[in-house]
Amino acid sequence: MRDRLVHARESKAARAEPVALLFEQGRVSVHGTFAELEAELCGLVSGGDYAGPGGSPDRADAMVWGLAR
């Protein structure tokens, strides 16, 4: 697999909304313990805000990019 440069057009929280629906529908699940990822996912707020730990939800965004492509 080759790396590909991408540019985001929406905020991290906005990009996560369709992926959140996949979790709600039971079509996606996380197996294992990922405390930092879970904290970031819980900090994403509808409307584009972030209220989680750290300055940016980078782990959550990486997961979203992986599931959305």
C-alpha atoms as a PDB file:
ATOM      1  CA  MET A   1       0.000   0.000   0.000  1.00  0.00           C
ATOM      2  CA  ARG A   2       1.345   3.427  -0.875  1.00  0.00           C
ATOM      3  CA  ASP A   3       1.040   6.541   1.234  1.00  0.00           C
ATOM      4  CA  ARG A   4      -1.135   9.255  -0.214  1.00  0.00           C
ATOM      5  CA  LEU A   5      -1.150  12.923   0.790  1.00  0.00           C
ATOM      6  CA  VAL A   6      -4.644  14.141   1.671  1.00  0.00           C
ATOM      7  CA  HIS A   7      -6.049  17.493   2.727  1.00  0.00           C
ATOM      8  CA  ALA A   8      -9.011  17.777   5.071  1.00  0.00           C
ATOM      9  CA  ARG A   9     -11.963  19.902   4.030  1.00  0.00           C
ATOM     10  CA  GLU A  10     -13.881  19.595   7.306  1.00  0.00           C
ATOM     11  CA  SER A  11     -13.048  19.711  10.995  1.00  0.00           C
ATOM     12  CA  LYS A  12     -11.968  16.522  12.748  1.00  0.00           C
ATOM     13  CA  ALA A  13     -15.290  16.324  14.607  1.00  0.00           C
ATOM     14  CA  ALA A  14     -17.300  16.800  11.407  1.00  0.00           C
ATOM     15  CA  ARG A  15     -15.329  14.040   9.675  1.00  0.00           C
ATOM     16  CA  ALA A  16     -16.016  11.737  12.625  1.00  0.00           C
ATOM     17  CA  GLU A  17     -19.820  12.046  12.499  1.00  0.00           C
ATOM     18  CA  PRO A  18     -20.390   9.441   9.719  1.00  0.00           C
ATOM     19  CA  VAL A  19     -18.001   7.054  11.465  1.00  0.00           C
ATOM     20  CA  ALA A  20     -19.895   7.561  14.744  1.00  0.00           C
ATOM     21  CA  LEU A  21     -23.008   6.322  12.937  1.00  0.00           C
ATOM     22  CA  LEU A  22     -21.170   3.145  11.982  1.00  0.00           C
ATOM     23  CA  PHE A  23     -20.431   2.529  15.678  1.00  0.00           C
ATOM     24  CA  GLU A  24     -24.050   3.250  16.641  1.00  0.00           C
ATOM     25  CA  GLN A  25     -25.296   0.804  14.001  1.00  0.00           C
ATOM     26  CA  GLY A  26     -22.942  -1.879  15.296  1.00  0.00           C
ATOM     27  CA  ARG A  27     -21.125  -2.053  11.951  1.00  0.00           C
ATOM     28  CA  VAL A  28     -17.780  -1.074  13.532  1.00  0.00           C
ATOM     29  CA  SER A  29     -16.239  -2.022  16.859  1.00  0.00           C
ATOM     30  CA  VAL A  30     -12.909  -1.671  18.592  1.00  0.00           C
ATOM     31  CA  HIS A  31     -11.327  -4.767  20.101  1.00  0.00           C
ATOM     32  CA  GLY A  32      -8.830  -4.246  22.869  1.00  0.00           C
ATOM     33  CA  THR A  33      -8.128  -1.437  25.283  1.00  0.00           C
ATOM     34  CA  PHE A  34      -7.225   1.954  23.832  1.00  0.00           C
ATOM     35  CA  ALA A  35      -7.735   4.442  26.660  1.00  0.00           C
ATOM     36  CA  GLU A  36      -6.251   7.454  24.866  1.00  0.00           C
ATOM     37  CA  LEU A  37      -8.267   6.788  21.699  1.00  0.00           C
ATOM     38  CA  GLU A  38     -11.484   6.314  23.669  1.00  0.00           C
ATOM     39  CA  ALA A  39     -10.933   9.553  25.590  1.00  0.00           C
ATOM     40  CA  GLU A  40     -10.428  11.443  22.331  1.00  0.00           C
ATOM     41  CA  LEU A  41     -13.489   9.861  20.711  1.00  0.00           C
ATOM     42  CA  CYS A  42     -15.600  10.849  23.710  1.00  0.00           C
ATOM     43  CA  GLY A  43     -14.279  14.407  23.446  1.00  0.00           C
ATOM     44  CA  LEU A  44     -15.528  14.943  19.898  1.00  0.00           C
ATOM     45  CA  VAL A  45     -18.618  17.135  20.040  1.00  0.00           C
ATOM     46  CA  SER A  46     -21.259  17.414  17.330  1.00  0.00           C
ATOM     47  CA  GLY A  47     -20.869  20.658  15.439  1.00  0.00           C
ATOM     48  CA  GLY A  48     -17.097  20.518  15.159  1.00  0.00           C
ATOM     49  CA  ASP A  49     -15.883  21.206  18.696  1.00  0.00           C
ATOM     50  CA  TYR A  50     -13.456  19.147  20.751  1.00  0.00           C
ATOM     51  CA  ALA A  51     -13.743  18.872  24.531  1.00  0.00           C
ATOM     52  CA  GLY A  52     -11.373  15.991  25.189  1.00  0.00           C
ATOM     53  CA  PRO A  53      -7.843  15.655  26.543  1.00  0.00           C
ATOM     54  CA  GLY A  54      -4.967  17.343  24.764  1.00  0.00           C
ATOM     55  CA  GLY A  55      -5.136  20.014  22.139  1.00  0.00           C
ATOM     56  CA  SER A  56      -6.269  17.861  19.232  1.00  0.00           C
ATOM     57  CA  PRO A  57      -7.856  14.415  18.772  1.00  0.00           C
ATOM     58  CA  ASP A  58      -5.120  13.043  16.506  1.00  0.00           C
ATOM     59  CA  ARG A  59      -5.663   9.367  17.400  1.00  0.00           C
ATOM     60  CA  ALA A  60      -9.399   9.660  16.781  1.00  0.00           C
ATOM     61  CA  ASP A  61      -8.818  11.452  13.498  1.00  0.00           C
ATOM     62  CA  ALA A  62      -6.405   8.765  12.309  1.00  0.00           C
ATOM     63  CA  MET A  63      -9.023   6.115  13.046  1.00  0.00           C
ATOM     64  CA  VAL A  64     -11.674   8.141  11.198  1.00  0.00           C
ATOM     65  CA  TRP A  65      -9.460   8.517   8.127  1.00  0.00           C
ATOM     66  CA  GLY A  66      -8.816   4.782   8.143  1.00  0.00           C
ATOM     67  CA  LEU A  67     -12.489   3.863   8.370  1.00  0.00           C
ATOM     68  CA  ALA A  68     -13.707   6.478   5.916  1.00  0.00           C
ATOM     69  CA  ARG A  69     -11.428   5.422   3.048  1.00  0.00           C
END
